[in-house]
Amino acid sequence: MLSLRLPQLFDIHQVPKVFREDGIMSGYRHPRSSALDCILSSFQMTNETVNIWTHFLPTWYFLWRFSMLCTSLDFLTDSYTWPLLVYMLLICLYPFTSSCAHTFSSMSAEARHICYFFDYGALSLYSLGCAITYGSYAMPDCWVNSWLHQHFVTIGVANSLFCTSMSCYSRFVELQFPHKSKILRTAAFIVPFLFDSFPLFYRLLSCCWGSCSPSEALASHSYHLLFAFLTCFLFASHLPERLAPGRFDYIGPIRVLLLQDVQIDGRVLDKGHEPVVDVFNDEPLLRFSLPAALHEEMHFFRLCPSWLEKD
């Protein structure tokens, strides 16, 4: 009978800096995981499990909604529905890409950067889908055929390229300038969002000023903007894990003991022993050279042969 063993998890001090997250102290996967280990890890409680499933499951929800729309709308011949078609394709692509990025990001330092490059690219395409959809369906009447309306999608394309370039570049300076990297990455996500949402902001403000009557669509847009701002705040602030490091490594106040009394190759690893992974040459990136994490020399101590054979 085929027997699969769940991969070993590690503490923050046992993995290279490029794999570490602020406030997350445990639940890290092996930095040289195989593709099978990455897939298996999605079925155990790691610090990426929630990220994986909260992107993977919505993918199927959006696919189901897309299939329902296909039965009621003529996407092939009705040009009015084409912006919605583009949006639905991208809203299915983005969470699936992000789920894959979180799943396979622990295969190596190189794989981690590549995975998140794809993640940023998918997010940029989603923002472009928003620009196409809002420009077609949510543009205020007084803006129709204006200069902004005519160039809305073009500017959306430029914003998507900007978002991808800036967010990818932020990974190259992450080790040397972590705060600068965070600012660049956050700005790369905020700028396209703010631009795409201009029509929504205008409609909401018009209703606040009494120029329009509330509608179900505006209520949905309000919830969308509220959760978008909340997401941005949590991403930039690293709350709540920043306030209580180690208490939110998985989800909620759950803490799994990883280092104390862990049996590895017949020995018990605790605070008095050497770390399983010792990282050298963990130097920051300079200019546009490859991330320093790609050149790290990783030394594994007292590991059984099955660990050393990972490639």
Protein backbone atom coordinates (compact mmCIF):
# COMPACT_ATOMS: atom_id res chain seq x y z
CA MET A 1 0.00 0.00 0.00
CA LEU A 2 1.29 3.45 -0.92
CA SER A 3 2.23 5.41 2.20
CA LEU A 4 2.86 9.15 2.10
CA ARG A 5 4.49 10.98 4.98
CA LEU A 6 3.70 14.63 5.58
CA PRO A 7 6.75 16.93 5.29
CA GLN A 8 8.61 18.21 8.36
CA LEU A 9 7.98 21.82 9.39
CA PHE A 10 10.54 24.34 10.64
CA ASP A 11 11.00 27.38 12.82
CA ILE A 12 11.81 30.83 11.44
CA HIS A 13 15.48 30.56 12.44
CA GLN A 14 15.86 27.34 10.48
CA VAL A 15 15.07 28.75 7.06
CA PRO A 16 16.84 31.37 4.89
CA LYS A 17 15.76 34.98 5.24
CA VAL A 18 14.10 35.02 1.85
CA PHE A 19 11.50 32.54 3.17
CA ARG A 20 10.73 34.41 6.38
CA GLU A 21 7.59 36.44 7.02
CA ASP A 22 7.19 39.19 9.61
CA GLY A 23 5.60 37.94 12.80
CA ILE A 24 5.39 34.34 11.59
CA MET A 25 7.62 32.25 13.85
CA SER A 26 6.83 28.68 12.86
CA GLY A 27 5.14 26.43 10.32
CA TYR A 28 7.74 26.93 7.58
CA ARG A 29 8.19 24.21 4.99
CA HIS A 30 11.53 22.78 3.90
CA PRO A 31 13.26 25.37 1.67
CA ARG A 32 14.17 22.60 -0.79
CA SER A 33 10.82 20.84 -0.91
CA SER A 34 9.95 18.62 -3.82
CA ALA A 35 6.81 19.28 -5.87
CA LEU A 36 5.13 16.33 -4.13
CA ASP A 37 6.06 17.70 -0.71
CA CYS A 38 4.56 21.06 -1.66
CA ILE A 39 1.30 19.42 -2.67
CA LEU A 40 1.21 17.27 0.48
CA SER A 41 1.91 20.32 2.64
CA SER A 42 -1.36 21.86 1.49
CA PHE A 43 -3.11 19.11 3.48
CA GLN A 44 -1.23 19.81 6.72
CA MET A 45 -1.29 22.91 8.90
CA THR A 46 1.59 25.13 7.71
CA ASN A 47 1.79 28.91 7.62
CA GLU A 48 0.77 28.75 3.94
CA THR A 49 -2.17 26.35 4.17
CA VAL A 50 -4.81 29.04 4.66
CA ASN A 51 -3.32 31.11 1.81
CA ILE A 52 -3.41 28.11 -0.50
CA TRP A 53 -7.01 27.10 0.18
CA THR A 54 -8.48 30.60 0.41
CA HIS A 55 -7.27 31.12 -3.16
CA PHE A 56 -7.91 27.62 -4.51
CA LEU A 57 -11.53 27.26 -3.36
CA PRO A 58 -12.67 30.67 -4.69
CA THR A 59 -11.27 29.65 -8.08
CA TRP A 60 -13.93 26.94 -8.32
CA TYR A 61 -16.60 29.30 -7.07
CA PHE A 62 -15.78 31.80 -9.81
CA LEU A 63 -15.66 29.01 -12.39
CA TRP A 64 -19.12 27.94 -11.29
CA ARG A 65 -20.42 31.51 -11.56
CA PHE A 66 -18.78 31.80 -14.98
CA SER A 67 -20.48 28.61 -16.14
CA MET A 68 -23.83 29.97 -14.94
CA LEU A 69 -23.28 33.19 -16.90
CA CYS A 70 -22.39 31.18 -20.00
CA THR A 71 -25.84 29.61 -19.93
CA SER A 72 -27.63 32.95 -19.77
CA LEU A 73 -25.41 35.27 -21.83
CA ASP A 74 -24.12 35.03 -25.38
CA PHE A 75 -20.40 35.67 -24.95
CA LEU A 76 -19.61 34.65 -28.53
CA THR A 77 -21.72 37.10 -30.54
CA ASP A 78 -22.89 39.81 -28.10
CA SER A 79 -20.04 42.34 -27.96
CA TYR A 80 -21.63 44.08 -24.97
CA THR A 81 -20.73 41.06 -22.83
CA TRP A 82 -17.09 40.84 -23.92
CA PRO A 83 -15.73 43.07 -21.12
CA LEU A 84 -17.53 40.82 -18.64
CA LEU A 85 -16.05 37.77 -20.36
CA VAL A 86 -12.53 39.16 -19.97
CA TYR A 87 -13.20 39.97 -16.32
CA MET A 88 -14.56 36.49 -15.53
CA LEU A 89 -11.60 34.79 -17.21
CA LEU A 90 -9.13 36.90 -15.22
CA ILE A 91 -10.98 36.55 -11.93
CA CYS A 92 -10.70 32.78 -12.35
CA LEU A 93 -7.04 32.97 -13.36
CA TYR A 94 -5.82 35.19 -10.52
CA PRO A 95 -6.77 33.09 -7.44
CA PHE A 96 -5.66 29.87 -9.15
CA THR A 97 -2.25 31.38 -9.98
CA SER A 98 -1.91 32.71 -6.45
CA SER A 99 -2.80 29.32 -4.99
CA CYS A 100 -0.12 27.66 -7.11
CA ALA A 101 2.39 30.33 -6.10
CA HIS A 102 1.80 29.73 -2.40
CA THR A 103 1.87 25.95 -2.92
CA PHE A 104 5.17 25.65 -4.76
CA SER A 105 7.05 28.65 -3.33
CA SER A 106 9.11 26.46 -1.00
CA MET A 107 10.84 24.38 -3.69
CA SER A 108 13.85 26.71 -3.71
CA ALA A 109 14.73 30.37 -3.41
CA GLU A 110 14.61 30.66 -7.20
CA ALA A 111 11.23 28.95 -7.35
CA ARG A 112 9.89 31.25 -4.63
CA HIS A 113 10.72 34.38 -6.62
CA ILE A 114 9.40 32.92 -9.86
CA CYS A 115 6.16 31.82 -8.20
CA TYR A 116 5.51 35.27 -6.81
CA PHE A 117 6.43 36.92 -10.12
CA PHE A 118 3.57 34.92 -11.64
CA ASP A 119 1.38 35.87 -8.69
CA TYR A 120 2.07 39.58 -9.21
CA GLY A 121 1.47 39.23 -12.94
CA ALA A 122 -1.89 37.56 -12.37
CA LEU A 123 -2.87 40.29 -9.91
CA SER A 124 -1.93 42.91 -12.51
CA LEU A 125 -4.08 41.18 -15.11
CA TYR A 126 -6.96 41.17 -12.64
CA SER A 127 -6.57 44.93 -12.13
CA LEU A 128 -6.64 45.32 -15.91
CA GLY A 129 -9.83 43.28 -16.00
CA CYS A 130 -11.33 45.67 -13.46
CA ALA A 131 -10.35 48.65 -15.62
CA ILE A 132 -11.96 47.06 -18.68
CA THR A 133 -15.16 46.20 -16.82
CA TYR A 134 -15.54 49.49 -14.94
CA GLY A 135 -14.73 51.46 -18.08
CA SER A 136 -17.49 49.62 -19.93
CA TYR A 137 -20.23 49.29 -17.33
CA ALA A 138 -19.58 51.60 -14.36
CA MET A 139 -18.51 54.86 -16.00
CA PRO A 140 -20.68 57.79 -14.81
CA ASP A 141 -22.90 59.28 -17.50
CA CYS A 142 -21.13 62.64 -17.33
CA TRP A 143 -17.80 60.92 -18.07
CA VAL A 144 -18.95 58.95 -21.11
CA ASN A 145 -16.91 59.80 -24.24
CA SER A 146 -14.64 62.05 -22.19
CA TRP A 147 -10.84 61.90 -22.50
CA LEU A 148 -10.65 59.72 -19.39
CA HIS A 149 -13.27 57.33 -20.74
CA GLN A 150 -11.54 56.99 -24.09
CA HIS A 151 -8.15 56.28 -22.50
CA PHE A 152 -9.30 54.42 -19.41
CA VAL A 153 -8.26 50.96 -20.62
CA THR A 154 -4.99 52.27 -22.07
CA ILE A 155 -4.06 53.76 -18.72
CA GLY A 156 -5.17 50.50 -17.11
CA VAL A 157 -2.68 48.60 -19.27
CA ALA A 158 0.09 51.00 -18.23
CA ASN A 159 -0.88 50.58 -14.59
CA SER A 160 -0.76 46.80 -14.93
CA LEU A 161 2.74 46.95 -16.40
CA PHE A 162 3.74 49.32 -13.60
CA CYS A 163 2.25 47.04 -10.95
CA THR A 164 4.07 43.99 -12.26
CA SER A 165 7.40 45.76 -12.69
CA MET A 166 7.41 47.47 -9.31
CA SER A 167 6.20 44.48 -7.34
CA CYS A 168 8.73 42.17 -8.99
CA TYR A 169 11.54 44.69 -8.48
CA SER A 170 10.61 44.99 -4.80
CA ARG A 171 11.72 41.39 -4.29
CA PHE A 172 15.22 42.26 -5.53
CA VAL A 173 15.73 44.84 -2.77
CA GLU A 174 13.80 43.01 -0.07
CA LEU A 175 16.78 41.75 1.93
CA GLN A 176 18.81 44.95 1.78
CA PHE A 177 15.96 47.47 2.12
CA PRO A 178 12.92 45.66 3.60
CA HIS A 179 10.96 48.85 4.30
CA LYS A 180 11.62 50.25 0.83
CA SER A 181 10.58 46.93 -0.64
CA LYS A 182 7.33 46.97 1.30
CA ILE A 183 6.54 50.53 0.22
CA LEU A 184 7.23 49.76 -3.44
CA ARG A 185 5.14 46.60 -3.40
CA THR A 186 2.25 48.24 -1.58
CA ALA A 187 2.30 51.23 -3.93
CA ALA A 188 2.36 48.89 -6.92
CA PHE A 189 -0.91 47.39 -5.75
CA ILE A 190 -2.59 50.60 -4.55
CA VAL A 191 -2.06 52.75 -7.66
CA PRO A 192 -3.94 50.46 -10.10
CA PHE A 193 -6.68 49.88 -7.53
CA LEU A 194 -7.25 53.60 -6.97
CA PHE A 195 -7.32 54.35 -10.69
CA ASP A 196 -9.66 51.47 -11.53
CA SER A 197 -12.01 52.53 -8.73
CA PHE A 198 -12.35 56.20 -9.80
CA PRO A 199 -15.79 55.57 -11.38
CA LEU A 200 -16.94 53.81 -8.20
CA PHE A 201 -15.64 56.58 -5.94
CA TYR A 202 -17.46 59.16 -8.04
CA ARG A 203 -20.74 57.22 -7.92
CA LEU A 204 -20.51 56.70 -4.17
CA LEU A 205 -19.72 60.37 -3.52
CA SER A 206 -22.55 61.43 -5.80
CA CYS A 207 -24.96 59.35 -3.76
CA CYS A 208 -23.59 60.81 -0.54
CA TRP A 209 -24.26 64.29 -1.95
CA GLY A 210 -27.79 63.29 -2.88
CA SER A 211 -27.26 63.29 -6.65
CA CYS A 212 -28.42 59.70 -7.05
CA SER A 213 -30.55 57.12 -5.30
CA PRO A 214 -28.96 54.12 -3.55
CA SER A 215 -29.04 50.83 -5.44
CA GLU A 216 -28.07 47.22 -4.91
CA ALA A 217 -25.04 47.66 -7.19
CA LEU A 218 -23.74 50.60 -5.13
CA ALA A 219 -24.12 48.56 -1.96
CA SER A 220 -22.03 45.79 -3.50
CA HIS A 221 -19.41 48.31 -4.63
CA SER A 222 -19.30 49.73 -1.10
CA TYR A 223 -18.59 46.32 0.41
CA HIS A 224 -15.99 45.68 -2.29
CA LEU A 225 -14.14 48.91 -1.54
CA LEU A 226 -14.37 48.36 2.21
CA PHE A 227 -12.78 44.92 2.04
CA ALA A 228 -10.20 46.15 -0.47
CA PHE A 229 -9.06 48.85 1.95
CA LEU A 230 -9.06 46.33 4.80
CA THR A 231 -6.90 43.96 2.74
CA CYS A 232 -4.44 46.73 1.93
CA PHE A 233 -4.25 47.74 5.59
CA LEU A 234 -3.59 44.20 6.81
CA PHE A 235 -1.00 43.60 4.06
CA ALA A 236 0.91 46.79 4.83
CA SER A 237 0.69 46.62 8.63
CA HIS A 238 1.22 42.87 9.16
CA LEU A 239 -1.51 42.91 11.78
CA PRO A 240 -2.37 41.04 13.93
CA GLU A 241 0.76 38.83 13.74
CA ARG A 242 3.00 41.86 14.27
CA LEU A 243 1.47 42.48 17.70
CA ALA A 244 1.86 38.88 18.87
CA PRO A 245 4.60 37.08 16.91
CA GLY A 246 4.03 33.34 16.85
CA ARG A 247 0.38 33.53 17.88
CA PHE A 248 -1.00 33.86 14.35
CA ASP A 249 1.34 31.55 12.44
CA TYR A 250 -1.55 29.57 10.99
CA ILE A 251 -4.89 31.23 11.68
CA GLY A 252 -6.17 32.78 14.89
CA PRO A 253 -4.34 32.23 18.21
CA ILE A 254 -3.03 28.80 17.26
CA ARG A 255 0.53 27.86 18.13
CA VAL A 256 1.96 24.48 17.22
CA LEU A 257 5.14 23.44 19.05
CA LEU A 258 7.76 22.71 16.39
CA LEU A 259 11.20 22.94 17.95
CA GLN A 260 10.85 21.35 21.32
CA ASP A 261 11.14 17.56 21.37
CA VAL A 262 11.27 17.07 17.61
CA GLN A 263 12.69 13.68 16.72
CA ILE A 264 15.18 13.83 13.84
CA ASP A 265 17.37 10.85 12.96
CA GLY A 266 17.25 9.42 16.45
CA ARG A 267 18.09 12.68 18.23
CA VAL A 268 15.87 15.18 20.00
CA LEU A 269 16.20 18.72 18.69
CA ASP A 270 15.63 21.45 21.25
CA LYS A 271 16.91 24.92 21.99
CA GLY A 272 20.27 23.56 23.09
CA HIS A 273 21.11 21.88 19.80
CA GLU A 274 22.32 23.22 16.51
CA PRO A 275 19.69 24.31 13.99
CA VAL A 276 18.64 21.91 11.28
CA VAL A 277 19.37 24.48 8.57
CA ASP A 278 22.35 26.80 8.83
CA VAL A 279 22.40 29.57 6.21
CA PHE A 280 25.58 31.33 5.13
CA ASN A 281 26.19 34.16 2.67
CA ASP A 282 22.72 35.54 3.32
CA GLU A 283 23.67 38.91 1.89
CA PRO A 284 21.28 41.52 0.49
CA LEU A 285 20.76 42.14 -3.17
CA LEU A 286 22.67 44.94 -4.87
CA ARG A 287 21.07 46.78 -7.78
CA PHE A 288 19.64 44.46 -10.45
CA SER A 289 21.72 41.37 -9.81
CA LEU A 290 19.96 38.18 -8.84
CA PRO A 291 18.55 38.04 -5.31
CA ALA A 292 21.24 37.08 -2.84
CA ALA A 293 19.02 34.32 -1.54
CA LEU A 294 19.60 32.52 -4.83
CA HIS A 295 23.27 32.17 -3.99
CA GLU A 296 22.83 30.95 -0.44
CA GLU A 297 24.77 27.93 0.66
CA MET A 298 22.49 25.81 2.76
CA HIS A 299 24.02 23.27 5.09
CA PHE A 300 21.94 20.57 6.69
CA PHE A 301 23.16 18.99 9.91
CA ARG A 302 22.31 15.54 11.26
CA LEU A 303 19.65 14.80 8.70
CA CYS A 304 18.74 11.34 7.55
CA PRO A 305 19.66 10.34 3.94
CA SER A 306 16.10 10.73 2.70
CA TRP A 307 16.32 14.48 3.44
CA LEU A 308 19.69 14.85 1.75
CA GLU A 309 18.40 13.22 -1.40
CA LYS A 310 15.84 15.97 -1.97
CA ASP A 311 16.58 17.75 -5.20
